[in-house]
N, C-alpha and C. Protein backbone atom coordinates (compact mmCIF):
# COMPACT_ATOMS: atom_id res chain seq x y z
N MET A 1 27.04 -2.62 -24.26
CA MET A 1 25.42 -2.66 -24.42
C MET A 1 25.09 -3.82 -23.22
N PHE A 2 25.64 -4.75 -22.93
CA PHE A 2 25.41 -5.91 -22.18
C PHE A 2 25.42 -5.45 -20.81
N LEU A 3 26.38 -4.59 -20.41
CA LEU A 3 26.84 -4.12 -18.93
C LEU A 3 25.65 -2.96 -18.84
N ALA A 4 25.44 -2.20 -19.63
CA ALA A 4 24.21 -1.26 -19.43
C ALA A 4 23.04 -1.85 -18.89
N GLU A 5 22.57 -2.84 -19.81
CA GLU A 5 21.20 -3.40 -19.42
C GLU A 5 21.34 -4.15 -18.02
N GLU A 6 22.66 -4.87 -17.77
CA GLU A 6 22.74 -5.49 -16.35
C GLU A 6 22.67 -4.30 -15.34
N ALA A 7 23.29 -3.25 -15.32
CA ALA A 7 23.17 -2.23 -14.45
C ALA A 7 21.72 -1.48 -14.45
N ALA A 8 21.12 -1.42 -15.37
CA ALA A 8 19.66 -0.94 -15.30
C ALA A 8 18.70 -1.91 -14.54
N ALA A 9 19.07 -3.16 -14.65
CA ALA A 9 18.20 -4.15 -13.88
C ALA A 9 18.39 -4.19 -12.70
N ALA A 10 19.54 -4.04 -12.10
CA ALA A 10 20.03 -4.05 -10.92
C ALA A 10 19.64 -2.66 -10.08
N THR A 11 19.28 -1.62 -10.69
CA THR A 11 18.94 -0.30 -10.09
C THR A 11 17.58 -0.77 -9.35
N SER A 12 17.45 -0.17 -8.07
CA SER A 12 16.27 -0.22 -7.60
C SER A 12 15.42 0.87 -7.70
N THR A 13 13.97 0.65 -7.67
CA THR A 13 13.21 1.79 -7.72
C THR A 13 12.67 2.33 -6.54
N TYR A 14 13.38 2.11 -5.23
CA TYR A 14 12.92 2.53 -3.89
C TYR A 14 13.10 3.99 -4.08
N SER A 15 12.03 4.68 -3.44
CA SER A 15 12.04 6.07 -3.24
C SER A 15 11.59 6.45 -1.76
N THR A 16 11.79 7.38 -1.20
CA THR A 16 11.42 7.85 0.18
C THR A 16 9.75 8.11 0.39
N PHE A 17 9.28 8.21 -0.78
CA PHE A 17 7.50 8.37 -0.91
C PHE A 17 6.94 6.90 -0.27
N ASP A 18 7.79 5.62 -0.76
CA ASP A 18 7.40 4.40 -0.47
C ASP A 18 7.18 4.24 1.08
N ILE A 19 7.90 4.83 1.95
CA ILE A 19 7.74 4.85 3.26
C ILE A 19 6.27 5.49 3.56
N TYR A 20 5.91 6.57 3.05
CA TYR A 20 4.73 7.18 3.15
C TYR A 20 3.29 6.46 2.98
N VAL A 21 3.72 5.77 1.82
CA VAL A 21 2.52 4.83 1.32
C VAL A 21 2.32 3.60 2.15
N LEU A 22 3.43 3.04 2.82
CA LEU A 22 3.30 2.03 3.78
C LEU A 22 2.56 2.56 4.98
N ILE A 23 3.04 3.71 5.54
CA ILE A 23 2.23 4.32 6.80
C ILE A 23 0.95 4.55 6.47
N PHE A 24 0.63 5.05 5.41
CA PHE A 24 -0.84 5.49 5.01
C PHE A 24 -1.81 4.24 5.03
N THR A 25 -1.14 3.16 4.37
CA THR A 25 -1.58 1.77 4.26
C THR A 25 -2.09 1.29 5.76
N LEU A 26 -1.08 1.53 6.52
CA LEU A 26 -1.28 1.03 8.06
C LEU A 26 -2.18 2.04 8.66
N VAL A 27 -2.29 3.36 8.38
CA VAL A 27 -3.57 3.95 9.00
C VAL A 27 -4.89 3.62 8.40
N ILE A 28 -4.94 3.15 7.34
CA ILE A 28 -6.16 2.84 6.61
C ILE A 28 -6.69 1.40 7.38
N ALA A 29 -5.76 0.63 7.50
CA ALA A 29 -6.11 -0.70 8.21
C ALA A 29 -6.55 -0.57 9.58
N ILE A 30 -5.81 0.30 10.25
CA ILE A 30 -6.23 0.63 11.60
C ILE A 30 -7.81 1.28 11.76
N GLY A 31 -8.01 2.34 10.71
CA GLY A 31 -9.57 2.79 10.47
C GLY A 31 -10.44 1.74 10.11
N PHE A 32 -10.01 0.94 9.24
CA PHE A 32 -10.98 -0.12 8.64
C PHE A 32 -11.35 -1.20 10.13
N ILE A 33 -10.31 -1.64 10.84
CA ILE A 33 -10.42 -2.33 11.96
C ILE A 33 -11.38 -1.78 12.98
N ARG A 34 -10.98 -0.57 13.31
CA ARG A 34 -11.73 0.14 14.27
C ARG A 34 -13.37 0.25 13.75
N GLN A 35 -13.53 0.41 12.49
CA GLN A 35 -14.84 0.56 11.99
C GLN A 35 -15.61 -0.84 12.21
N LEU A 36 -14.82 -1.99 12.09
CA LEU A 36 -15.47 -3.41 11.98
C LEU A 36 -15.69 -3.77 13.52
N ILE A 37 -15.04 -2.99 14.64
CA ILE A 37 -15.40 -3.77 16.05
C ILE A 37 -16.37 -2.70 16.69
N GLN A 38 -16.87 -1.73 16.10
CA GLN A 38 -17.63 -0.80 16.67
C GLN A 38 -19.20 -1.30 16.76
N PRO A 39 -19.88 -1.25 17.67
CA PRO A 39 -21.18 -1.91 17.71
C PRO A 39 -22.22 -1.31 16.81
N LYS A 40 -22.19 0.03 16.57
CA LYS A 40 -23.10 0.69 15.42
C LYS A 40 -22.03 1.02 14.19
N ARG A 41 -22.05 0.29 13.21
CA ARG A 41 -21.24 0.54 12.34
C ARG A 41 -21.75 1.49 11.22
N ASN A 42 -20.70 2.28 10.58
CA ASN A 42 -21.25 3.16 9.36
C ASN A 42 -20.77 2.25 8.22
N TYR A 43 -21.68 1.78 7.53
CA TYR A 43 -21.21 0.75 6.36
C TYR A 43 -20.73 1.40 5.24
N PHE A 44 -20.91 2.86 4.98
CA PHE A 44 -20.19 3.40 3.91
C PHE A 44 -18.71 3.60 4.27
N ALA A 45 -18.46 4.07 5.46
CA ALA A 45 -17.24 3.95 6.00
C ALA A 45 -16.40 2.55 5.80
N VAL A 46 -17.23 1.71 6.24
CA VAL A 46 -16.58 0.37 6.23
C VAL A 46 -16.33 -0.04 4.70
N GLY A 47 -17.07 0.33 3.66
CA GLY A 47 -16.90 -0.10 2.60
C GLY A 47 -15.77 0.71 1.85
N PHE A 48 -15.81 2.10 2.10
CA PHE A 48 -14.73 2.93 1.50
C PHE A 48 -13.36 2.56 2.08
N ALA A 49 -13.32 2.23 3.42
CA ALA A 49 -12.12 1.87 4.09
C ALA A 49 -11.66 0.54 3.18
N GLY A 50 -12.58 -0.30 3.10
CA GLY A 50 -12.23 -1.71 2.72
C GLY A 50 -11.61 -1.64 1.17
N VAL A 51 -12.25 -0.65 0.27
CA VAL A 51 -11.83 -0.75 -1.15
C VAL A 51 -10.44 0.41 -0.96
N ALA A 52 -10.30 1.16 -0.22
CA ALA A 52 -9.03 1.74 0.03
C ALA A 52 -7.89 1.05 0.35
N LEU A 53 -8.15 0.02 1.40
CA LEU A 53 -7.26 -0.91 1.66
C LEU A 53 -7.01 -1.99 0.75
N LEU A 54 -7.88 -2.19 0.18
CA LEU A 54 -7.51 -3.44 -1.05
C LEU A 54 -6.72 -2.59 -2.26
N VAL A 55 -6.87 -1.37 -2.53
CA VAL A 55 -6.07 -0.74 -3.47
C VAL A 55 -4.72 -0.40 -2.94
N PHE A 56 -4.58 0.00 -1.83
CA PHE A 56 -3.28 0.45 -1.23
C PHE A 56 -2.49 -0.84 -0.98
N GLY A 57 -3.24 -2.08 -0.63
CA GLY A 57 -2.56 -3.48 -0.39
C GLY A 57 -2.11 -3.79 -1.87
N ILE A 58 -2.74 -3.82 -2.92
CA ILE A 58 -2.06 -4.18 -4.26
C ILE A 58 -0.91 -3.15 -4.51
N MET A 59 -1.18 -1.90 -4.43
CA MET A 59 0.06 -1.09 -4.78
C MET A 59 0.98 -1.25 -3.93
N ASP A 60 1.01 -1.58 -2.51
CA ASP A 60 2.17 -2.07 -1.82
C ASP A 60 2.97 -3.26 -2.24
N VAL A 61 2.21 -4.19 -2.67
CA VAL A 61 2.71 -5.37 -3.22
C VAL A 61 3.51 -5.17 -4.59
N VAL A 62 2.97 -4.40 -5.52
CA VAL A 62 3.49 -3.98 -6.62
C VAL A 62 4.79 -3.22 -6.32
N MET A 63 4.77 -2.36 -5.37
CA MET A 63 5.61 -1.26 -4.95
C MET A 63 6.88 -2.13 -4.44
N ILE A 64 6.76 -3.02 -3.64
CA ILE A 64 7.76 -3.96 -2.87
C ILE A 64 8.41 -4.90 -3.90
N LYS A 65 7.88 -5.11 -4.92
CA LYS A 65 8.05 -6.28 -5.84
C LYS A 65 9.25 -5.37 -6.69
N GLY A 66 9.18 -4.11 -6.94
CA GLY A 66 9.97 -3.29 -7.60
C GLY A 66 11.33 -2.90 -6.92
N TRP A 67 11.40 -3.05 -5.73
CA TRP A 67 12.46 -2.92 -4.76
C TRP A 67 13.54 -3.95 -5.30
């Protein structure tokens, strides 16, 4: 029983989908920065990208802690 618990704790939760999540977070960050540097800003797009970046950032942190 003890060895089974130790093996389960050592198992990683890494998935190939994690790479896509990280890449998508990078794309959202690029879009957010591009919206901020524009002289004429679309505030809806800035807010939407900011919330999406916050959600994906938190999701990335939780995902990487699980590796």
